[in-house]
């Protein structure tokens, strides 16, 4: 199954809600992820631009987009970013395909002239 990095930043209202009622929001969203056929591989609260970072396995892009949309629509988040992840082996395969695809950037033509 494909992996996704999901980064979530709480809105002011979201922070107010979890401060007033401390809870593990990762466990709270697990059933929704699983209902879409996915699973949470790992998750952390974090410092910086995003407050929660989650690595999920989802069956497809549509399911990954659906959980991101559900997070965003709830009102507790001010930002939700989903990044598809590929393994190192997949990256090597992509690099080989990139090398062999025949693409030549415009800069190569300018140098040849």
Protein backbone atom coordinates (compact mmCIF):
# COMPACT_ATOMS: atom_id res chain seq x y z
CA UNK A 1 0.00 0.00 0.00
CA UNK A 2 1.24 3.52 -0.71
CA UNK A 3 2.56 5.62 2.18
CA UNK A 4 1.71 9.25 2.87
CA UNK A 5 3.10 11.93 5.16
CA UNK A 6 0.22 13.88 6.66
CA UNK A 7 1.06 17.12 8.45
CA UNK A 8 -1.60 18.91 10.45
CA UNK A 9 -1.55 22.35 12.07
CA UNK A 10 -4.24 23.10 14.61
CA UNK A 11 -6.36 26.23 14.42
CA UNK A 12 -6.79 28.37 17.52
CA UNK A 13 -10.11 26.63 18.10
CA UNK A 14 -8.47 23.23 17.75
CA UNK A 15 -5.85 24.08 20.36
CA UNK A 16 -8.52 25.47 22.68
CA UNK A 17 -10.45 22.19 22.42
CA UNK A 18 -7.49 19.88 23.14
CA UNK A 19 -6.17 22.08 25.96
CA UNK A 20 -9.63 22.11 27.56
CA UNK A 21 -9.96 18.33 27.09
CA UNK A 22 -6.48 16.75 26.74
CA UNK A 23 -6.61 13.63 24.61
CA UNK A 24 -4.58 11.56 22.17
CA UNK A 25 -5.94 12.83 18.86
CA UNK A 26 -3.92 10.24 16.98
CA UNK A 27 -6.06 7.51 18.55
CA UNK A 28 -9.16 9.61 17.89
CA UNK A 29 -8.52 9.68 14.12
CA UNK A 30 -7.35 6.05 13.82
CA UNK A 31 -10.90 4.66 13.23
CA UNK A 32 -11.50 7.11 10.36
CA UNK A 33 -8.21 6.17 8.70
CA UNK A 34 -9.02 2.47 9.11
CA UNK A 35 -12.55 2.92 7.75
CA UNK A 36 -10.94 4.21 4.55
CA UNK A 37 -8.85 1.03 4.36
CA UNK A 38 -5.67 2.59 5.73
CA UNK A 39 -3.56 2.35 8.82
CA UNK A 40 -1.47 4.72 10.88
CA UNK A 41 2.12 3.50 10.75
CA UNK A 42 3.50 6.13 13.11
CA UNK A 43 2.57 9.55 14.43
CA UNK A 44 4.05 12.33 16.53
CA UNK A 45 3.17 15.68 17.96
CA UNK A 46 5.77 18.15 16.71
CA UNK A 47 7.13 21.67 17.01
CA UNK A 48 7.19 24.07 14.08
CA UNK A 49 4.72 24.78 11.32
CA UNK A 50 2.81 21.54 11.90
CA UNK A 51 1.55 20.25 15.23
CA UNK A 52 1.03 16.60 14.27
CA UNK A 53 2.93 14.46 11.79
CA UNK A 54 1.47 11.12 10.73
CA UNK A 55 2.77 8.42 8.39
CA UNK A 56 -0.16 6.48 6.96
CA UNK A 57 -0.58 3.61 4.58
CA UNK A 58 -3.63 4.19 2.43
CA UNK A 59 -5.03 2.05 -0.39
CA UNK A 60 -4.83 4.86 -2.95
CA UNK A 61 -4.61 8.61 -3.57
CA UNK A 62 -8.39 9.02 -3.32
CA UNK A 63 -8.43 7.55 0.21
CA UNK A 64 -5.45 9.70 1.24
CA UNK A 65 -7.19 12.79 -0.12
CA UNK A 66 -10.42 11.82 1.66
CA UNK A 67 -8.82 11.68 5.11
CA UNK A 68 -7.03 14.97 4.46
CA UNK A 69 -10.33 16.55 3.43
CA UNK A 70 -12.04 15.18 6.53
CA UNK A 71 -9.27 16.63 8.74
CA UNK A 72 -9.54 20.01 7.00
CA UNK A 73 -13.35 20.11 7.05
CA UNK A 74 -13.58 19.53 10.80
CA UNK A 75 -12.55 23.08 11.70
CA UNK A 76 -9.87 22.13 14.25
CA UNK A 77 -7.09 22.42 11.68
CA UNK A 78 -5.78 25.54 9.98
CA UNK A 79 -3.58 23.56 7.60
CA UNK A 80 -3.39 19.98 6.35
CA UNK A 81 -0.66 18.86 3.98
CA UNK A 82 -0.45 15.39 2.44
CA UNK A 83 2.72 14.21 0.71
CA UNK A 84 2.92 10.89 -1.14
CA UNK A 85 6.02 8.93 -0.13
CA UNK A 86 8.05 6.47 -2.16
CA UNK A 87 10.58 3.93 -0.96
CA UNK A 88 14.29 4.13 -1.76
CA UNK A 89 13.83 1.26 -4.24
CA UNK A 90 11.01 3.15 -5.97
CA UNK A 91 13.20 6.27 -6.10
CA UNK A 92 15.98 4.27 -7.82
CA UNK A 93 13.45 2.94 -10.34
CA UNK A 94 12.22 6.50 -10.98
CA UNK A 95 15.79 7.78 -11.39
CA UNK A 96 16.51 5.07 -13.97
CA UNK A 97 13.31 5.92 -15.85
CA UNK A 98 14.20 9.62 -15.72
CA UNK A 99 17.66 8.86 -17.12
CA UNK A 100 16.23 6.78 -19.97
CA UNK A 101 13.07 8.74 -20.88
CA UNK A 102 14.69 10.89 -23.58
CA UNK A 103 13.89 14.28 -22.08
CA UNK A 104 16.39 17.02 -22.93
CA UNK A 105 16.05 20.38 -21.13
CA UNK A 106 16.11 23.60 -23.14
CA UNK A 107 19.40 24.50 -21.48
CA UNK A 108 21.09 21.59 -23.34
CA UNK A 109 19.95 23.05 -26.68
CA UNK A 110 21.28 26.49 -25.76
CA UNK A 111 24.69 25.06 -24.86
CA UNK A 112 24.88 23.14 -28.12
CA UNK A 113 24.28 26.26 -30.27
